[in-house]
Amino acid sequence: MEGITAFVGRLQAAMTALRAGDCPAVKRFADSSAFFLPCTDEGRARYADFAVIGYRQFATGAVIRFSSSSPTFPGGGVIGLVLDDSRRFVNVLTGRPRADEFSSPTARARFLFDRTASLFVRSLLTRACDLYFTTGYTFSLTKPVACRHEFSPPSERVRQLAADPHARPIRIGGTQTYQFYRLYTAGHYRTLVVGRVGRGTGSHSLYISDTGLVY
């Protein structure tokens, strides 16, 4: 099982390869980590002064804080990762950091994180399109398309939850921007991550990203 220190090493090696124009090495990392890293002049400019300045692991989830002066990441960013079924970390979300990123969220924020995770799981259990679209990270898909991809036919995680309808997300830790949850379903283990980087303000700035299947 990969630890976050090993992943950071792979990430830094990929950045070195990008600057050197070693595109095969860059592609190997990008393919194995779901990390958007184009080996182009634009990509090199995007990550020209990328530097990891902090990271923490929370069981099967992890967060990396990085600095950058690129217009794409003004002031740097924060990456949320989960272990996948190859037991290596993959990138699920990149957002804007908070000054106290690695401190504990307030009680109110923890409540909102927990509520979002619970509502997301309920949306999958009940196949509720509106609730799924409100609490789920659906990229730029429209609601009908996002729901069709998840429910028609049902995705693997929907099928696993249907086999274990009493499954509930249990928080395992996180930062100001990301909180991670474990979810056991019918012999499988998934990591859920809720990111405070979404639409609007207040409770609407919380949404669940993808879930990583560990086994």
N, C-alpha and C. Protein backbone atom coordinates (compact mmCIF):
# COMPACT_ATOMS: atom_id res chain seq x y z
N MET A 1 0.84 -1.19 0.00
CA MET A 1 0.00 0.00 0.00
C MET A 1 0.88 1.25 0.00
N GLU A 2 0.61 2.15 -0.93
CA GLU A 2 1.42 3.35 -1.06
C GLU A 2 1.11 4.33 0.06
N GLY A 3 2.15 4.93 0.64
CA GLY A 3 1.98 6.01 1.60
C GLY A 3 2.09 7.35 0.90
N ILE A 4 1.67 8.39 1.58
CA ILE A 4 1.67 9.70 0.93
C ILE A 4 3.09 10.19 0.63
N THR A 5 4.05 9.82 1.46
CA THR A 5 5.44 10.23 1.17
C THR A 5 5.91 9.65 -0.14
N ALA A 6 5.56 8.38 -0.40
CA ALA A 6 5.94 7.76 -1.67
C ALA A 6 5.24 8.44 -2.84
N PHE A 7 3.97 8.79 -2.66
CA PHE A 7 3.26 9.48 -3.74
C PHE A 7 3.89 10.83 -4.03
N VAL A 8 4.23 11.58 -2.98
CA VAL A 8 4.87 12.88 -3.18
C VAL A 8 6.18 12.71 -3.95
N GLY A 9 6.91 11.65 -3.66
CA GLY A 9 8.13 11.37 -4.42
C GLY A 9 7.84 11.14 -5.88
N ARG A 10 6.78 10.36 -6.17
CA ARG A 10 6.41 10.13 -7.57
C ARG A 10 5.97 11.43 -8.25
N LEU A 11 5.23 12.26 -7.52
CA LEU A 11 4.77 13.53 -8.07
C LEU A 11 5.95 14.46 -8.39
N GLN A 12 6.88 14.56 -7.49
CA GLN A 12 8.03 15.43 -7.72
C GLN A 12 8.89 14.92 -8.86
N ALA A 13 9.03 13.59 -8.97
CA ALA A 13 9.78 13.01 -10.09
C ALA A 13 9.08 13.32 -11.41
N ALA A 14 7.76 13.28 -11.42
CA ALA A 14 7.01 13.59 -12.64
C ALA A 14 7.18 15.05 -13.04
N MET A 15 7.22 15.95 -12.04
CA MET A 15 7.43 17.36 -12.34
C MET A 15 8.82 17.59 -12.93
N THR A 16 9.80 16.88 -12.40
CA THR A 16 11.16 16.97 -12.96
C THR A 16 11.17 16.47 -14.39
N ALA A 17 10.46 15.35 -14.65
CA ALA A 17 10.39 14.79 -16.00
C ALA A 17 9.68 15.76 -16.95
N LEU A 18 8.64 16.43 -16.46
CA LEU A 18 7.91 17.39 -17.28
C LEU A 18 8.83 18.52 -17.73
N ARG A 19 9.60 19.06 -16.80
CA ARG A 19 10.49 20.17 -17.13
C ARG A 19 11.61 19.73 -18.07
N ALA A 20 11.97 18.44 -18.00
CA ALA A 20 13.03 17.92 -18.87
C ALA A 20 12.49 17.44 -20.22
N GLY A 21 11.17 17.45 -20.38
CA GLY A 21 10.58 16.99 -21.63
C GLY A 21 10.51 15.48 -21.76
N ASP A 22 10.59 14.76 -20.64
CA ASP A 22 10.51 13.29 -20.66
C ASP A 22 9.04 12.89 -20.62
N CYS A 23 8.39 12.98 -21.77
CA CYS A 23 6.95 12.77 -21.83
C CYS A 23 6.50 11.35 -21.48
N PRO A 24 7.24 10.28 -21.84
CA PRO A 24 6.81 8.94 -21.41
C PRO A 24 6.73 8.82 -19.89
N ALA A 25 7.70 9.39 -19.18
CA ALA A 25 7.66 9.33 -17.72
C ALA A 25 6.49 10.13 -17.17
N VAL A 26 6.22 11.27 -17.78
CA VAL A 26 5.08 12.09 -17.36
C VAL A 26 3.78 11.33 -17.57
N LYS A 27 3.64 10.67 -18.71
CA LYS A 27 2.41 9.94 -19.02
C LYS A 27 2.21 8.78 -18.05
N ARG A 28 3.29 8.08 -17.71
CA ARG A 28 3.16 6.96 -16.77
C ARG A 28 2.60 7.44 -15.44
N PHE A 29 3.11 8.56 -14.97
CA PHE A 29 2.60 9.10 -13.70
C PHE A 29 1.15 9.55 -13.85
N ALA A 30 0.85 10.31 -14.91
CA ALA A 30 -0.50 10.83 -15.10
C ALA A 30 -1.51 9.69 -15.20
N ASP A 31 -1.15 8.64 -15.94
CA ASP A 31 -2.08 7.52 -16.11
C ASP A 31 -2.32 6.77 -14.81
N SER A 32 -1.31 6.69 -13.95
CA SER A 32 -1.43 5.92 -12.71
C SER A 32 -2.01 6.72 -11.56
N SER A 33 -2.12 8.05 -11.73
CA SER A 33 -2.52 8.89 -10.60
C SER A 33 -3.75 9.75 -10.89
N ALA A 34 -4.28 9.68 -12.11
CA ALA A 34 -5.40 10.53 -12.52
C ALA A 34 -5.06 12.01 -12.33
N PHE A 35 -3.80 12.35 -12.52
CA PHE A 35 -3.31 13.71 -12.33
C PHE A 35 -3.17 14.37 -13.70
N PHE A 36 -3.82 15.51 -13.89
CA PHE A 36 -3.76 16.22 -15.17
C PHE A 36 -2.39 16.86 -15.31
N LEU A 37 -1.57 16.29 -16.20
CA LEU A 37 -0.19 16.76 -16.33
C LEU A 37 0.21 16.69 -17.81
N PRO A 38 -0.25 17.65 -18.61
CA PRO A 38 0.06 17.60 -20.04
C PRO A 38 1.53 17.90 -20.31
N CYS A 39 2.16 17.06 -21.10
CA CYS A 39 3.58 17.25 -21.43
C CYS A 39 3.68 18.14 -22.66
N THR A 40 3.39 19.41 -22.45
CA THR A 40 3.38 20.41 -23.52
C THR A 40 4.00 21.68 -22.97
N ASP A 41 4.22 22.65 -23.86
CA ASP A 41 4.72 23.95 -23.38
C ASP A 41 3.73 24.56 -22.40
N GLU A 42 2.45 24.40 -22.67
CA GLU A 42 1.43 24.93 -21.75
C GLU A 42 1.51 24.23 -20.39
N GLY A 43 1.71 22.92 -20.43
CA GLY A 43 1.82 22.18 -19.18
C GLY A 43 3.05 22.59 -18.39
N ARG A 44 4.17 22.79 -19.08
CA ARG A 44 5.39 23.22 -18.38
C ARG A 44 5.22 24.60 -17.77
N ALA A 45 4.51 25.48 -18.48
CA ALA A 45 4.24 26.81 -17.91
C ALA A 45 3.30 26.71 -16.72
N ARG A 46 2.33 25.82 -16.82
CA ARG A 46 1.34 25.64 -15.77
C ARG A 46 1.98 25.21 -14.45
N TYR A 47 2.99 24.35 -14.55
CA TYR A 47 3.63 23.79 -13.35
C TYR A 47 5.08 24.26 -13.18
N ALA A 48 5.42 25.40 -13.76
CA ALA A 48 6.81 25.85 -13.80
C ALA A 48 7.45 25.93 -12.43
N ASP A 49 6.76 26.51 -11.45
CA ASP A 49 7.34 26.66 -10.12
C ASP A 49 6.52 25.90 -9.06
N PHE A 50 5.87 24.83 -9.49
CA PHE A 50 5.11 23.98 -8.58
C PHE A 50 6.03 23.42 -7.50
N ALA A 51 5.62 23.53 -6.25
CA ALA A 51 6.43 22.98 -5.14
C ALA A 51 5.50 22.49 -4.04
N VAL A 52 5.74 21.27 -3.57
CA VAL A 52 4.98 20.73 -2.44
C VAL A 52 5.47 21.40 -1.16
N ILE A 53 4.54 21.93 -0.38
CA ILE A 53 4.94 22.62 0.85
C ILE A 53 4.33 21.98 2.10
N GLY A 54 3.56 20.91 1.91
CA GLY A 54 3.01 20.20 3.06
C GLY A 54 2.10 19.08 2.62
N TYR A 55 1.99 18.04 3.44
CA TYR A 55 1.09 16.94 3.12
C TYR A 55 0.80 16.13 4.38
N ARG A 56 -0.36 15.48 4.37
CA ARG A 56 -0.76 14.61 5.47
C ARG A 56 -1.61 13.47 4.94
N GLN A 57 -1.49 12.34 5.59
CA GLN A 57 -2.28 11.17 5.22
C GLN A 57 -3.31 10.89 6.30
N PHE A 58 -4.50 10.47 5.87
CA PHE A 58 -5.59 10.12 6.78
C PHE A 58 -6.09 8.73 6.37
N ALA A 59 -5.39 7.70 6.84
CA ALA A 59 -5.72 6.32 6.47
C ALA A 59 -5.67 6.19 4.94
N THR A 60 -6.81 6.01 4.29
CA THR A 60 -6.82 5.81 2.83
C THR A 60 -7.06 7.10 2.05
N GLY A 61 -6.97 8.24 2.72
CA GLY A 61 -7.06 9.53 2.06
C GLY A 61 -5.82 10.36 2.37
N ALA A 62 -5.57 11.40 1.60
CA ALA A 62 -4.41 12.26 1.84
C ALA A 62 -4.64 13.62 1.20
N VAL A 63 -3.89 14.60 1.71
CA VAL A 63 -3.98 15.97 1.21
C VAL A 63 -2.57 16.50 0.98
N ILE A 64 -2.37 17.16 -0.14
CA ILE A 64 -1.11 17.82 -0.47
C ILE A 64 -1.36 19.31 -0.66
N ARG A 65 -0.57 20.12 -0.01
CA ARG A 65 -0.61 21.58 -0.19
C ARG A 65 0.58 21.97 -1.05
N PHE A 66 0.34 22.77 -2.09
CA PHE A 66 1.44 23.17 -2.96
C PHE A 66 1.41 24.67 -3.22
N SER A 67 2.58 25.20 -3.56
CA SER A 67 2.70 26.61 -3.93
C SER A 67 2.89 26.72 -5.43
N SER A 68 2.47 27.84 -5.98
CA SER A 68 2.59 28.08 -7.41
C SER A 68 2.24 29.53 -7.68
N SER A 69 2.90 30.12 -8.68
CA SER A 69 2.55 31.48 -9.10
C SER A 69 1.84 31.46 -10.44
N SER A 70 1.52 30.26 -10.94
CA SER A 70 0.84 30.14 -12.22
C SER A 70 -0.55 30.77 -12.15
N PRO A 71 -1.02 31.41 -13.21
CA PRO A 71 -2.39 31.94 -13.23
C PRO A 71 -3.44 30.86 -12.99
N THR A 72 -3.09 29.60 -13.30
CA THR A 72 -4.01 28.50 -13.05
C THR A 72 -4.20 28.25 -11.57
N PHE A 73 -3.12 28.45 -10.79
CA PHE A 73 -3.15 28.21 -9.35
C PHE A 73 -2.63 29.43 -8.59
N PRO A 74 -3.29 30.57 -8.70
CA PRO A 74 -2.78 31.74 -8.00
C PRO A 74 -2.79 31.51 -6.49
N GLY A 75 -1.62 31.64 -5.88
CA GLY A 75 -1.53 31.39 -4.45
C GLY A 75 -1.37 29.93 -4.09
N GLY A 76 -1.27 29.05 -5.11
CA GLY A 76 -1.10 27.63 -4.84
C GLY A 76 -2.43 26.90 -4.77
N GLY A 77 -2.38 25.67 -4.28
CA GLY A 77 -3.58 24.86 -4.26
C GLY A 77 -3.47 23.73 -3.26
N VAL A 78 -4.51 22.93 -3.19
CA VAL A 78 -4.56 21.79 -2.29
C VAL A 78 -5.19 20.63 -3.04
N ILE A 79 -4.55 19.47 -2.96
CA ILE A 79 -4.96 18.29 -3.71
C ILE A 79 -5.51 17.25 -2.75
N GLY A 80 -6.67 16.71 -3.08
CA GLY A 80 -7.26 15.61 -2.32
C GLY A 80 -7.05 14.30 -3.06
N LEU A 81 -6.56 13.29 -2.35
CA LEU A 81 -6.25 11.99 -2.96
C LEU A 81 -6.88 10.86 -2.17
N VAL A 82 -7.17 9.75 -2.86
CA VAL A 82 -7.61 8.53 -2.19
C VAL A 82 -6.86 7.35 -2.78
N LEU A 83 -6.72 6.29 -2.01
CA LEU A 83 -6.16 5.05 -2.54
C LEU A 83 -7.18 4.38 -3.45
N ASP A 84 -6.69 3.82 -4.57
CA ASP A 84 -7.59 3.07 -5.44
C ASP A 84 -7.35 1.57 -5.25
N ASP A 85 -7.94 0.76 -6.10
CA ASP A 85 -7.84 -0.68 -5.89
C ASP A 85 -6.47 -1.25 -6.26
N SER A 86 -5.57 -0.42 -6.78
CA SER A 86 -4.17 -0.84 -6.96
C SER A 86 -3.35 -0.48 -5.73
N ARG A 87 -4.03 0.10 -4.71
CA ARG A 87 -3.42 0.53 -3.46
C ARG A 87 -2.40 1.65 -3.67
N ARG A 88 -2.65 2.48 -4.68
CA ARG A 88 -1.84 3.67 -4.93
C ARG A 88 -2.74 4.88 -4.89
N PHE A 89 -2.18 6.03 -4.54
CA PHE A 89 -2.97 7.24 -4.45
C PHE A 89 -3.30 7.78 -5.83
N VAL A 90 -4.54 8.28 -5.95
CA VAL A 90 -4.98 8.95 -7.18
C VAL A 90 -5.59 10.29 -6.80
N ASN A 91 -5.46 11.24 -7.69
CA ASN A 91 -5.99 12.58 -7.49
C ASN A 91 -7.49 12.59 -7.76
N VAL A 92 -8.27 13.11 -6.82
CA VAL A 92 -9.72 13.21 -7.06
C VAL A 92 -10.19 14.65 -7.15
N LEU A 93 -9.43 15.59 -6.60
CA LEU A 93 -9.90 16.97 -6.60
C LEU A 93 -8.75 17.91 -6.28
N THR A 94 -8.75 19.07 -6.95
CA THR A 94 -7.79 20.12 -6.64
C THR A 94 -8.56 21.40 -6.38
N GLY A 95 -8.27 22.05 -5.25
CA GLY A 95 -8.99 23.26 -4.89
C GLY A 95 -8.08 24.33 -4.34
N ARG A 96 -8.69 25.38 -3.86
CA ARG A 96 -7.94 26.48 -3.27
C ARG A 96 -7.71 26.21 -1.79
N PRO A 97 -6.51 26.44 -1.31
CA PRO A 97 -6.21 26.14 0.10
C PRO A 97 -6.71 27.23 1.04
N ARG A 98 -6.76 26.88 2.30
CA ARG A 98 -7.01 27.85 3.35
C ARG A 98 -5.73 28.06 4.13
N ALA A 99 -5.60 29.23 4.74
CA ALA A 99 -4.35 29.56 5.43
C ALA A 99 -4.01 28.54 6.51
N ASP A 100 -5.06 28.01 7.16
CA ASP A 100 -4.87 27.02 8.23
C ASP A 100 -5.27 25.64 7.75
N GLU A 101 -4.87 25.29 6.54
CA GLU A 101 -5.35 24.09 5.86
C GLU A 101 -5.27 22.83 6.73
N PHE A 102 -4.19 22.63 7.46
CA PHE A 102 -3.99 21.37 8.18
C PHE A 102 -4.50 21.41 9.62
N SER A 103 -5.23 22.44 9.98
CA SER A 103 -5.87 22.47 11.30
C SER A 103 -7.25 21.82 11.21
N SER A 104 -7.85 21.56 12.36
CA SER A 104 -9.15 20.91 12.39
C SER A 104 -10.25 21.90 12.03
N PRO A 105 -11.24 21.46 11.27
CA PRO A 105 -12.37 22.34 10.96
C PRO A 105 -13.19 22.64 12.21
N THR A 106 -13.98 23.67 12.15
CA THR A 106 -14.87 24.01 13.27
C THR A 106 -15.96 22.94 13.39
N ALA A 107 -16.65 22.94 14.51
CA ALA A 107 -17.75 21.99 14.72
C ALA A 107 -18.81 22.15 13.64
N ARG A 108 -19.10 23.40 13.27
CA ARG A 108 -20.09 23.66 12.22
C ARG A 108 -19.65 23.08 10.89
N ALA A 109 -18.38 23.27 10.55
CA ALA A 109 -17.86 22.73 9.29
C ALA A 109 -17.90 21.20 9.30
N ARG A 110 -17.54 20.58 10.43
CA ARG A 110 -17.58 19.12 10.52
C ARG A 110 -19.00 18.61 10.32
N PHE A 111 -19.97 19.32 10.90
CA PHE A 111 -21.37 18.94 10.70
C PHE A 111 -21.73 18.97 9.23
N LEU A 112 -21.31 20.02 8.51
CA LEU A 112 -21.65 20.14 7.10
C LEU A 112 -20.94 19.08 6.26
N PHE A 113 -19.69 18.80 6.59
CA PHE A 113 -18.99 17.71 5.90
C PHE A 113 -19.74 16.39 6.10
N ASP A 114 -20.07 16.08 7.36
CA ASP A 114 -20.73 14.81 7.68
C ASP A 114 -22.10 14.71 7.01
N ARG A 115 -22.83 15.80 7.03
CA ARG A 115 -24.16 15.79 6.42
C ARG A 115 -24.06 15.54 4.92
N THR A 116 -23.10 16.18 4.28
CA THR A 116 -22.95 15.99 2.84
C THR A 116 -22.61 14.55 2.51
N ALA A 117 -21.70 13.96 3.28
CA ALA A 117 -21.34 12.56 3.04
C ALA A 117 -22.55 11.64 3.20
N SER A 118 -23.34 11.87 4.26
CA SER A 118 -24.51 11.03 4.51
C SER A 118 -25.56 11.19 3.41
N LEU A 119 -25.80 12.44 2.98
CA LEU A 119 -26.78 12.68 1.94
C LEU A 119 -26.34 12.08 0.61
N PHE A 120 -25.04 12.13 0.34
CA PHE A 120 -24.54 11.54 -0.90
C PHE A 120 -24.80 10.04 -0.91
N VAL A 121 -24.48 9.37 0.20
CA VAL A 121 -24.72 7.93 0.27
C VAL A 121 -26.21 7.64 0.13
N ARG A 122 -27.04 8.45 0.76
CA ARG A 122 -28.50 8.25 0.63
C ARG A 122 -28.93 8.40 -0.82
N SER A 123 -28.34 9.36 -1.54
CA SER A 123 -28.72 9.56 -2.94
C SER A 123 -28.41 8.33 -3.77
N LEU A 124 -27.29 7.64 -3.46
CA LEU A 124 -26.94 6.43 -4.20
C LEU A 124 -27.85 5.27 -3.82
N LEU A 125 -28.19 5.18 -2.53
CA LEU A 125 -29.07 4.11 -2.06
C LEU A 125 -30.47 4.24 -2.65
N THR A 126 -30.96 5.45 -2.73
CA THR A 126 -32.34 5.68 -3.19
C THR A 126 -32.41 6.03 -4.67
N ARG A 127 -31.23 6.19 -5.28
CA ARG A 127 -31.14 6.58 -6.69
C ARG A 127 -31.93 7.87 -6.93
N ALA A 128 -31.71 8.82 -6.04
CA ALA A 128 -32.39 10.11 -6.09
C ALA A 128 -31.56 11.09 -6.91
N CYS A 129 -31.99 11.38 -8.11
CA CYS A 129 -31.19 12.20 -9.03
C CYS A 129 -30.93 13.60 -8.48
N ASP A 130 -31.96 14.27 -7.99
CA ASP A 130 -31.78 15.63 -7.49
C ASP A 130 -30.78 15.69 -6.36
N LEU A 131 -30.91 14.76 -5.41
CA LEU A 131 -30.00 14.73 -4.27
C LEU A 131 -28.59 14.37 -4.71
N TYR A 132 -28.46 13.44 -5.62
CA TYR A 132 -27.15 13.06 -6.14
C TYR A 132 -26.47 14.25 -6.80
N PHE A 133 -27.22 14.98 -7.61
CA PHE A 133 -26.63 16.10 -8.33
C PHE A 133 -26.26 17.24 -7.38
N THR A 134 -26.99 17.37 -6.27
CA THR A 134 -26.70 18.41 -5.29
C THR A 134 -25.46 18.09 -4.47
N THR A 135 -25.28 16.82 -4.11
CA THR A 135 -24.19 16.44 -3.20
C THR A 135 -23.03 15.76 -3.90
N GLY A 136 -23.17 15.43 -5.16
CA GLY A 136 -22.13 14.70 -5.87
C GLY A 136 -21.27 15.59 -6.74
N TYR A 137 -20.03 15.19 -6.92
CA TYR A 137 -19.12 15.90 -7.81
C TYR A 137 -19.31 15.32 -9.21
N THR A 138 -19.95 16.06 -10.09
CA THR A 138 -20.34 15.56 -11.40
C THR A 138 -19.62 16.27 -12.54
N PHE A 139 -18.47 16.89 -12.23
CA PHE A 139 -17.70 17.60 -13.24
C PHE A 139 -18.60 18.65 -13.90
N SER A 140 -18.63 18.72 -15.22
CA SER A 140 -19.44 19.73 -15.89
C SER A 140 -20.68 19.11 -16.53
N LEU A 141 -21.03 17.89 -16.11
CA LEU A 141 -22.18 17.21 -16.70
C LEU A 141 -23.48 17.89 -16.27
N THR A 142 -24.46 17.86 -17.16
CA THR A 142 -25.79 18.30 -16.78
C THR A 142 -26.42 17.26 -15.87
N LYS A 143 -27.48 17.66 -15.18
CA LYS A 143 -28.12 16.72 -14.25
C LYS A 143 -28.60 15.44 -14.95
N PRO A 144 -29.32 15.53 -16.08
CA PRO A 144 -29.79 14.28 -16.72
C PRO A 144 -28.64 13.36 -17.11
N VAL A 145 -27.56 13.93 -17.63
CA VAL A 145 -26.43 13.11 -18.06
C VAL A 145 -25.71 12.49 -16.85
N ALA A 146 -25.50 13.31 -15.81
CA ALA A 146 -24.83 12.81 -14.61
C ALA A 146 -25.61 11.66 -13.99
N CYS A 147 -26.90 11.81 -13.88
CA CYS A 147 -27.73 10.77 -13.27
C CYS A 147 -27.79 9.52 -14.15
N ARG A 148 -27.84 9.72 -15.44
CA ARG A 148 -27.84 8.56 -16.33
C ARG A 148 -26.55 7.77 -16.20
N HIS A 149 -25.42 8.46 -16.10
CA HIS A 149 -24.14 7.77 -15.93
C HIS A 149 -24.08 6.99 -14.62
N GLU A 150 -24.70 7.52 -13.57
CA GLU A 150 -24.63 6.88 -12.25
C GLU A 150 -25.66 5.77 -12.07
N PHE A 151 -26.85 5.96 -12.64
CA PHE A 151 -27.96 5.08 -12.30
C PHE A 151 -28.49 4.22 -13.45
N SER A 152 -28.17 4.52 -14.69
CA SER A 152 -28.76 3.80 -15.82
C SER A 152 -27.70 3.35 -16.82
N PRO A 153 -27.12 2.19 -16.65
CA PRO A 153 -27.35 1.21 -15.58
C PRO A 153 -26.66 1.65 -14.29
N PRO A 154 -27.00 1.03 -13.16
CA PRO A 154 -26.39 1.43 -11.89
C PRO A 154 -24.88 1.20 -11.90
N SER A 155 -24.15 2.18 -11.35
CA SER A 155 -22.70 2.07 -11.25
C SER A 155 -22.31 0.99 -10.24
N GLU A 156 -21.04 0.67 -10.22
CA GLU A 156 -20.55 -0.35 -9.29
C GLU A 156 -20.85 0.03 -7.85
N ARG A 157 -20.64 1.30 -7.48
CA ARG A 157 -20.88 1.69 -6.10
C ARG A 157 -22.35 1.67 -5.75
N VAL A 158 -23.23 1.97 -6.72
CA VAL A 158 -24.67 1.88 -6.48
C VAL A 158 -25.06 0.42 -6.25
N ARG A 159 -24.52 -0.49 -7.04
CA ARG A 159 -24.83 -1.91 -6.87
C ARG A 159 -24.32 -2.43 -5.52
N GLN A 160 -23.13 -2.00 -5.12
CA GLN A 160 -22.59 -2.45 -3.84
C GLN A 160 -23.41 -1.93 -2.67
N LEU A 161 -23.86 -0.68 -2.75
CA LEU A 161 -24.70 -0.14 -1.69
C LEU A 161 -26.06 -0.83 -1.65
N ALA A 162 -26.59 -1.18 -2.81
CA ALA A 162 -27.87 -1.89 -2.85
C ALA A 162 -27.78 -3.22 -2.13
N ALA A 163 -26.58 -3.84 -2.16
CA ALA A 163 -26.38 -5.11 -1.48
C ALA A 163 -26.15 -4.94 0.01
N ASP A 164 -25.93 -3.70 0.44
CA ASP A 164 -25.67 -3.44 1.87
C ASP A 164 -26.30 -2.10 2.23
N PRO A 165 -27.63 -2.02 2.27
CA PRO A 165 -28.32 -0.74 2.44
C PRO A 165 -28.13 -0.08 3.79
N HIS A 166 -27.53 -0.77 4.75
CA HIS A 166 -27.29 -0.17 6.06
C HIS A 166 -25.90 0.46 6.16
N ALA A 167 -25.14 0.44 5.08
CA ALA A 167 -23.80 1.03 5.10
C ALA A 167 -23.87 2.53 5.34
N ARG A 168 -22.96 3.03 6.16
CA ARG A 168 -22.92 4.45 6.48
C ARG A 168 -21.47 4.96 6.43
N PRO A 169 -21.25 6.20 5.97
CA PRO A 169 -19.89 6.75 5.95
C PRO A 169 -19.42 7.11 7.35
N ILE A 170 -18.17 6.79 7.66
CA ILE A 170 -17.57 7.08 8.96
C ILE A 170 -16.33 7.93 8.73
N ARG A 171 -16.32 9.12 9.33
CA ARG A 171 -15.22 10.06 9.09
C ARG A 171 -13.91 9.53 9.67
N ILE A 172 -12.83 9.63 8.88
CA ILE A 172 -11.52 9.15 9.32
C ILE A 172 -10.50 10.29 9.42
N GLY A 173 -10.93 11.53 9.17
CA GLY A 173 -10.03 12.67 9.31
C GLY A 173 -9.94 13.50 8.06
N GLY A 174 -9.17 14.59 8.16
CA GLY A 174 -9.01 15.46 7.02
C GLY A 174 -8.55 16.85 7.42
N THR A 175 -8.73 17.78 6.51
CA THR A 175 -8.24 19.14 6.69
C THR A 175 -9.39 20.13 6.56
N GLN A 176 -9.06 21.40 6.45
CA GLN A 176 -10.09 22.42 6.28
C GLN A 176 -10.85 22.26 4.96
N THR A 177 -10.18 21.77 3.94
CA THR A 177 -10.79 21.67 2.62
C THR A 177 -11.38 20.30 2.33
N TYR A 178 -10.74 19.24 2.81
CA TYR A 178 -11.18 17.88 2.51
C TYR A 178 -11.36 17.08 3.79
N GLN A 179 -12.45 16.32 3.85
CA GLN A 179 -12.65 15.33 4.90
C GLN A 179 -12.89 13.97 4.25
N PHE A 180 -12.32 12.94 4.86
CA PHE A 180 -12.37 11.59 4.30
C PHE A 180 -13.24 10.68 5.18
N TYR A 181 -13.88 9.73 4.52
CA TYR A 181 -14.79 8.80 5.19
C TYR A 181 -14.55 7.39 4.66
N ARG A 182 -14.70 6.41 5.54
CA ARG A 182 -14.65 5.03 5.07
C ARG A 182 -16.08 4.52 4.92
N LEU A 183 -16.28 3.68 3.94
CA LEU A 183 -17.60 3.13 3.66
C LEU A 183 -17.44 1.65 3.30
N TYR A 184 -17.92 0.78 4.18
CA TYR A 184 -17.89 -0.66 3.93
C TYR A 184 -19.22 -1.07 3.31
N THR A 185 -19.14 -1.76 2.18
CA THR A 185 -20.36 -2.21 1.50
C THR A 185 -20.16 -3.62 0.98
N ALA A 186 -20.88 -4.57 1.59
CA ALA A 186 -20.93 -5.96 1.09
C ALA A 186 -19.54 -6.50 0.77
N GLY A 187 -18.63 -6.36 1.72
CA GLY A 187 -17.29 -6.91 1.54
C GLY A 187 -16.32 -6.00 0.82
N HIS A 188 -16.74 -4.80 0.49
CA HIS A 188 -15.88 -3.84 -0.20
C HIS A 188 -15.64 -2.63 0.69
N TYR A 189 -14.52 -1.96 0.42
CA TYR A 189 -14.17 -0.75 1.19
C TYR A 189 -13.93 0.39 0.22
N ARG A 190 -14.62 1.49 0.45
CA ARG A 190 -14.44 2.69 -0.35
C ARG A 190 -14.04 3.86 0.54
N THR A 191 -13.31 4.79 -0.05
CA THR A 191 -13.00 6.05 0.61
C THR A 191 -13.82 7.15 -0.05
N LEU A 192 -14.61 7.85 0.76
CA LEU A 192 -15.33 9.02 0.27
C LEU A 192 -14.55 10.26 0.68
N VAL A 193 -14.55 11.26 -0.17
CA VAL A 193 -13.94 12.53 0.19
C VAL A 193 -14.93 13.65 -0.08
N VAL A 194 -15.14 14.49 0.90
CA VAL A 194 -15.99 15.66 0.74
C VAL A 194 -15.09 16.88 0.65
N GLY A 195 -15.27 17.68 -0.39
CA GLY A 195 -14.44 18.86 -0.60
C GLY A 195 -15.22 20.14 -0.39
N ARG A 196 -14.65 21.07 0.37
CA ARG A 196 -15.29 22.38 0.58
C ARG A 196 -14.77 23.34 -0.48
N VAL A 197 -15.07 23.04 -1.71
CA VAL A 197 -14.52 23.84 -2.81
C VAL A 197 -15.54 24.07 -3.91
N GLY A 198 -16.81 23.87 -3.60
CA GLY A 198 -17.79 23.80 -4.67
C GLY A 198 -18.61 25.03 -4.92
N ARG A 199 -19.86 24.79 -5.12
CA ARG A 199 -20.77 25.81 -5.63
C ARG A 199 -21.26 26.72 -4.51
N GLY A 200 -21.11 28.01 -4.67
CA GLY A 200 -21.73 28.96 -3.75
C GLY A 200 -21.04 29.06 -2.41
N THR A 201 -21.82 29.41 -1.38
CA THR A 201 -21.29 29.62 -0.04
C THR A 201 -22.06 28.78 0.95
N GLY A 202 -21.58 28.76 2.19
CA GLY A 202 -22.29 28.02 3.23
C GLY A 202 -22.33 26.54 2.92
N SER A 203 -23.47 25.92 3.21
CA SER A 203 -23.58 24.47 2.99
C SER A 203 -23.43 24.11 1.53
N HIS A 204 -23.75 25.04 0.62
CA HIS A 204 -23.66 24.73 -0.80
C HIS A 204 -22.23 24.77 -1.32
N SER A 205 -21.26 25.13 -0.47
CA SER A 205 -19.88 25.06 -0.91
C SER A 205 -19.28 23.68 -0.62
N LEU A 206 -20.11 22.75 -0.13
CA LEU A 206 -19.65 21.39 0.14
C LEU A 206 -20.22 20.45 -0.91
N TYR A 207 -19.38 19.58 -1.42
CA TYR A 207 -19.91 18.50 -2.24
C TYR A 207 -18.99 17.31 -2.14
N ILE A 208 -19.55 16.16 -2.40
CA ILE A 208 -18.75 14.94 -2.33
C ILE A 208 -18.04 14.75 -3.67
N SER A 209 -16.83 14.33 -3.65
CA SER A 209 -16.17 14.02 -4.90
C SER A 209 -16.36 12.53 -5.17
N ASP A 210 -15.51 11.95 -5.99
CA ASP A 210 -15.66 10.54 -6.30
C ASP A 210 -15.33 9.69 -5.08
N THR A 211 -15.65 8.42 -5.18
CA THR A 211 -15.29 7.47 -4.13
C THR A 211 -14.23 6.53 -4.68
N GLY A 212 -13.19 6.28 -3.91
CA GLY A 212 -12.13 5.38 -4.33
C GLY A 212 -12.36 3.98 -3.79
N LEU A 213 -12.41 2.98 -4.67
CA LEU A 213 -12.56 1.60 -4.26
C LEU A 213 -11.19 1.05 -3.89
N VAL A 214 -11.00 0.70 -2.62
CA VAL A 214 -9.72 0.16 -2.16
C VAL A 214 -9.70 -1.35 -2.33
N TYR A 215 -10.80 -2.01 -1.98
CA TYR A 215 -10.93 -3.45 -2.26
C TYR A 215 -12.40 -3.82 -2.29
